Amino acid sequence: MPKIAKEVAEQEFERFIGAMDIDLVNGMDEEDTAAVEKHRARIVGAIESGQMIINDEGEPVMAVGDDAYTFHEPRGADLQAQDSKKNGQDFGKLFAILASITNTSPKAFSKMRSRDLNTCTAVMTLMLG
């Protein structure tokens, strides 16, 4: 049973999208729209379960075990975090960006269960457009 009503979780998702100035409408084809809906469903589900909240600044905060990860609005330096990785190190690049926007270590993401990592990736993907 969800801890947060779906309607409230949807409102919180919209607050996140608004605070981060994420455009989920313009310039998207059917494939993009389907991907966004998949990410939305994953994030709304995390909010419903109580695993994720949206803080006062509109930033997602995800609880994983005893840790909490706050997803700050990305900056150019966050994208540069992946530059230290070689071609073919796709997960290394992913973990580097996630670590940068959450001010944590890439190791934290390498130890996550896939379902938690998929939720974190959904947030990051929407934030990076």
C-alpha atoms as a PDB file:
ATOM      1  CA  MET A   1       0.000   0.000   0.000  1.00  0.00           C
ATOM      2  CA  PRO A   2       1.424   3.397  -0.977  1.00  0.00           C
ATOM      3  CA  LYS A   3       2.446   5.770   1.809  1.00  0.00           C
ATOM      4  CA  ILE A   4       1.684   8.819  -0.364  1.00  0.00           C
ATOM      5  CA  ALA A   5      -1.474   9.165  -2.460  1.00  0.00           C
ATOM      6  CA  LYS A   6      -0.849   8.954  -6.213  1.00  0.00           C
ATOM      7  CA  GLU A   7      -2.432  12.385  -6.708  1.00  0.00           C
ATOM      8  CA  VAL A   8      -0.031  13.937  -4.184  1.00  0.00           C
ATOM      9  CA  ALA A   9       2.931  12.078  -5.723  1.00  0.00           C
ATOM     10  CA  GLU A  10       1.974  13.440  -9.158  1.00  0.00           C
ATOM     11  CA  GLN A  11       1.786  16.973  -7.716  1.00  0.00           C
ATOM     12  CA  GLU A  12       5.225  16.553  -6.181  1.00  0.00           C
ATOM     13  CA  PHE A  13       6.594  15.313  -9.509  1.00  0.00           C
ATOM     14  CA  GLU A  14       5.187  18.411 -11.210  1.00  0.00           C
ATOM     15  CA  ARG A  15       6.754  20.599  -8.521  1.00  0.00           C
ATOM     16  CA  PHE A  16      10.130  18.982  -9.259  1.00  0.00           C
ATOM     17  CA  ILE A  17       9.692  19.528 -13.011  1.00  0.00           C
ATOM     18  CA  GLY A  18       8.716  23.159 -12.468  1.00  0.00           C
ATOM     19  CA  ALA A  19      11.523  23.914 -10.018  1.00  0.00           C
ATOM     20  CA  MET A  20      14.129  22.466 -12.385  1.00  0.00           C
ATOM     21  CA  ASP A  21      12.531  24.143 -15.434  1.00  0.00           C
ATOM     22  CA  ILE A  22      12.293  20.810 -17.265  1.00  0.00           C
ATOM     23  CA  ASP A  23      10.349  20.944 -20.527  1.00  0.00           C
ATOM     24  CA  LEU A  24       8.486  17.670 -21.011  1.00  0.00           C
ATOM     25  CA  VAL A  25       6.522  18.825 -24.048  1.00  0.00           C
ATOM     26  CA  ASN A  26       8.448  20.694 -26.728  1.00  0.00           C
ATOM     27  CA  GLY A  27      10.624  18.966 -29.296  1.00  0.00           C
ATOM     28  CA  MET A  28       9.762  15.398 -28.356  1.00  0.00           C
ATOM     29  CA  ASP A  29       8.853  12.607 -30.718  1.00  0.00           C
ATOM     30  CA  GLU A  30       6.836   9.500 -29.761  1.00  0.00           C
ATOM     31  CA  GLU A  31       9.919   7.652 -28.551  1.00  0.00           C
ATOM     32  CA  ASP A  32      10.960  10.571 -26.325  1.00  0.00           C
ATOM     33  CA  THR A  33       7.429  10.867 -24.941  1.00  0.00           C
ATOM     34  CA  ALA A  34       7.366   7.153 -24.092  1.00  0.00           C
ATOM     35  CA  ALA A  35      10.733   7.421 -22.322  1.00  0.00           C
ATOM     36  CA  VAL A  36       9.578  10.451 -20.312  1.00  0.00           C
ATOM     37  CA  GLU A  37       6.418   8.626 -19.247  1.00  0.00           C
ATOM     38  CA  LYS A  38       8.523   5.664 -18.118  1.00  0.00           C
ATOM     39  CA  HIS A  39      10.737   7.978 -16.046  1.00  0.00           C
ATOM     40  CA  ARG A  40       7.698   9.796 -14.660  1.00  0.00           C
ATOM     41  CA  ALA A  41       6.083   6.529 -13.570  1.00  0.00           C
ATOM     42  CA  ARG A  42       9.289   5.371 -11.847  1.00  0.00           C
ATOM     43  CA  ILE A  43       9.723   8.681  -9.990  1.00  0.00           C
ATOM     44  CA  VAL A  44       6.048   8.963  -9.018  1.00  0.00           C
ATOM     45  CA  GLY A  45       6.217   5.376  -7.759  1.00  0.00           C
ATOM     46  CA  ALA A  46       9.248   6.218  -5.613  1.00  0.00           C
ATOM     47  CA  ILE A  47       7.392   9.213  -4.179  1.00  0.00           C
ATOM     48  CA  GLU A  48       4.287   7.103  -3.510  1.00  0.00           C
ATOM     49  CA  SER A  49       6.351   4.499  -1.661  1.00  0.00           C
ATOM     50  CA  GLY A  50       8.011   7.157   0.483  1.00  0.00           C
ATOM     51  CA  GLN A  51      11.460   6.357  -0.909  1.00  0.00           C
ATOM     52  CA  MET A  52      11.690   9.804  -2.527  1.00  0.00           C
ATOM     53  CA  ILE A  53      10.613  13.251  -1.472  1.00  0.00           C
ATOM     54  CA  ILE A  54      10.882  16.600  -3.211  1.00  0.00           C
ATOM     55  CA  ASN A  55      12.541  19.101  -0.886  1.00  0.00           C
ATOM     56  CA  ASP A  56      11.640  22.788  -0.484  1.00  0.00           C
ATOM     57  CA  GLU A  57      13.953  23.721  -3.382  1.00  0.00           C
ATOM     58  CA  GLY A  58      12.196  21.235  -5.685  1.00  0.00           C
ATOM     59  CA  GLU A  59      15.117  18.803  -5.606  1.00  0.00           C
ATOM     60  CA  PRO A  60      14.436  15.060  -5.438  1.00  0.00           C
ATOM     61  CA  VAL A  61      15.856  13.377  -2.343  1.00  0.00           C
ATOM     62  CA  MET A  62      16.043   9.597  -2.562  1.00  0.00           C
ATOM     63  CA  ALA A  63      16.493   7.301   0.419  1.00  0.00           C
ATOM     64  CA  VAL A  64      18.486   4.131  -0.184  1.00  0.00           C
ATOM     65  CA  GLY A  65      19.072   2.128   2.963  1.00  0.00           C
ATOM     66  CA  ASP A  66      20.530   4.478   5.568  1.00  0.00           C
ATOM     67  CA  ASP A  67      21.653   7.014   2.945  1.00  0.00           C
ATOM     68  CA  ALA A  68      19.847   9.885   1.256  1.00  0.00           C
ATOM     69  CA  TYR A  69      20.836  11.363  -2.103  1.00  0.00           C
ATOM     70  CA  THR A  70      19.803  14.910  -3.009  1.00  0.00           C
ATOM     71  CA  PHE A  71      19.736  15.590  -6.745  1.00  0.00           C
ATOM     72  CA  HIS A  72      20.924  19.162  -7.203  1.00  0.00           C
ATOM     73  CA  GLU A  73      20.279  21.107 -10.391  1.00  0.00           C
ATOM     74  CA  PRO A  74      23.041  20.041 -12.823  1.00  0.00           C
ATOM     75  CA  ARG A  75      25.761  22.445 -13.899  1.00  0.00           C
ATOM     76  CA  GLY A  76      28.292  22.221 -16.700  1.00  0.00           C
ATOM     77  CA  ALA A  77      30.897  20.799 -14.323  1.00  0.00           C
ATOM     78  CA  ASP A  78      28.557  17.906 -13.574  1.00  0.00           C
ATOM     79  CA  LEU A  79      28.618  16.939 -17.237  1.00  0.00           C
ATOM     80  CA  GLN A  80      32.397  17.259 -17.298  1.00  0.00           C
ATOM     81  CA  ALA A  81      32.620  14.651 -14.545  1.00  0.00           C
ATOM     82  CA  GLN A  82      32.265  11.972 -17.204  1.00  0.00           C
ATOM     83  CA  ASP A  83      35.223  13.301 -19.232  1.00  0.00           C
ATOM     84  CA  SER A  84      37.722  11.481 -17.015  1.00  0.00           C
ATOM     85  CA  LYS A  85      36.283   8.150 -18.151  1.00  0.00           C
ATOM     86  CA  LYS A  86      37.437   6.379 -21.297  1.00  0.00           C
ATOM     87  CA  ASN A  87      35.184   5.484 -24.214  1.00  0.00           C
ATOM     88  CA  GLY A  88      33.344   2.292 -23.425  1.00  0.00           C
ATOM     89  CA  GLN A  89      33.152   3.011 -19.699  1.00  0.00           C
ATOM     90  CA  ASP A  90      29.473   3.853 -19.921  1.00  0.00           C
ATOM     91  CA  PHE A  91      28.616   2.876 -16.353  1.00  0.00           C
ATOM     92  CA  GLY A  92      31.650   4.760 -15.091  1.00  0.00           C
ATOM     93  CA  LYS A  93      30.380   7.855 -16.901  1.00  0.00           C
ATOM     94  CA  LEU A  94      26.862   7.346 -15.528  1.00  0.00           C
ATOM     95  CA  PHE A  95      28.125   6.941 -11.957  1.00  0.00           C
ATOM     96  CA  ALA A  96      30.407   9.987 -12.332  1.00  0.00           C
ATOM     97  CA  ILE A  97      27.496  12.233 -13.354  1.00  0.00           C
ATOM     98  CA  LEU A  98      25.184  10.821 -10.669  1.00  0.00           C
ATOM     99  CA  ALA A  99      27.886  11.336  -8.038  1.00  0.00           C
ATOM    100  CA  SER A 100      28.498  14.884  -9.210  1.00  0.00           C
ATOM    101  CA  ILE A 101      24.835  16.000  -9.113  1.00  0.00           C
ATOM    102  CA  THR A 102      24.320  14.364  -5.704  1.00  0.00           C
ATOM    103  CA  ASN A 103      27.653  15.452  -4.192  1.00  0.00           C
ATOM    104  CA  THR A 104      28.580  11.888  -3.337  1.00  0.00           C
ATOM    105  CA  SER A 105      30.933   9.139  -4.478  1.00  0.00           C
ATOM    106  CA  PRO A 106      30.541   7.090  -7.663  1.00  0.00           C
ATOM    107  CA  LYS A 107      31.017   3.999  -5.471  1.00  0.00           C
ATOM    108  CA  ALA A 108      27.665   4.689  -3.817  1.00  0.00           C
ATOM    109  CA  PHE A 109      25.938   4.082  -7.142  1.00  0.00           C
ATOM    110  CA  SER A 110      28.027   1.060  -8.062  1.00  0.00           C
ATOM    111  CA  LYS A 111      26.766  -0.640  -4.878  1.00  0.00           C
ATOM    112  CA  MET A 112      23.068   0.179  -5.425  1.00  0.00           C
ATOM    113  CA  ARG A 113      20.436  -2.367  -6.334  1.00  0.00           C
ATOM    114  CA  SER A 114      19.364  -2.006  -9.948  1.00  0.00           C
ATOM    115  CA  ARG A 115      15.846  -0.833  -9.054  1.00  0.00           C
ATOM    116  CA  ASP A 116      17.282   2.040  -6.978  1.00  0.00           C
ATOM    117  CA  LEU A 117      19.864   2.855  -9.635  1.00  0.00           C
ATOM    118  CA  ASN A 118      17.117   2.918 -12.282  1.00  0.00           C
ATOM    119  CA  THR A 119      15.180   5.467 -10.232  1.00  0.00           C
ATOM    120  CA  CYS A 120      18.285   7.628  -9.808  1.00  0.00           C
ATOM    121  CA  THR A 121      18.956   7.356 -13.540  1.00  0.00           C
ATOM    122  CA  ALA A 122      15.374   8.418 -14.303  1.00  0.00           C
ATOM    123  CA  VAL A 123      15.817  11.572 -12.223  1.00  0.00           C
ATOM    124  CA  MET A 124      19.187  12.345 -13.824  1.00  0.00           C
ATOM    125  CA  THR A 125      17.856  11.769 -17.344  1.00  0.00           C
ATOM    126  CA  LEU A 126      14.982  14.216 -16.865  1.00  0.00           C
ATOM    127  CA  MET A 127      17.287  16.784 -15.264  1.00  0.00           C
ATOM    128  CA  LEU A 128      19.768  16.612 -18.137  1.00  0.00           C
ATOM    129  CA  GLY A 129      17.054  16.736 -20.789  1.00  0.00           C
END
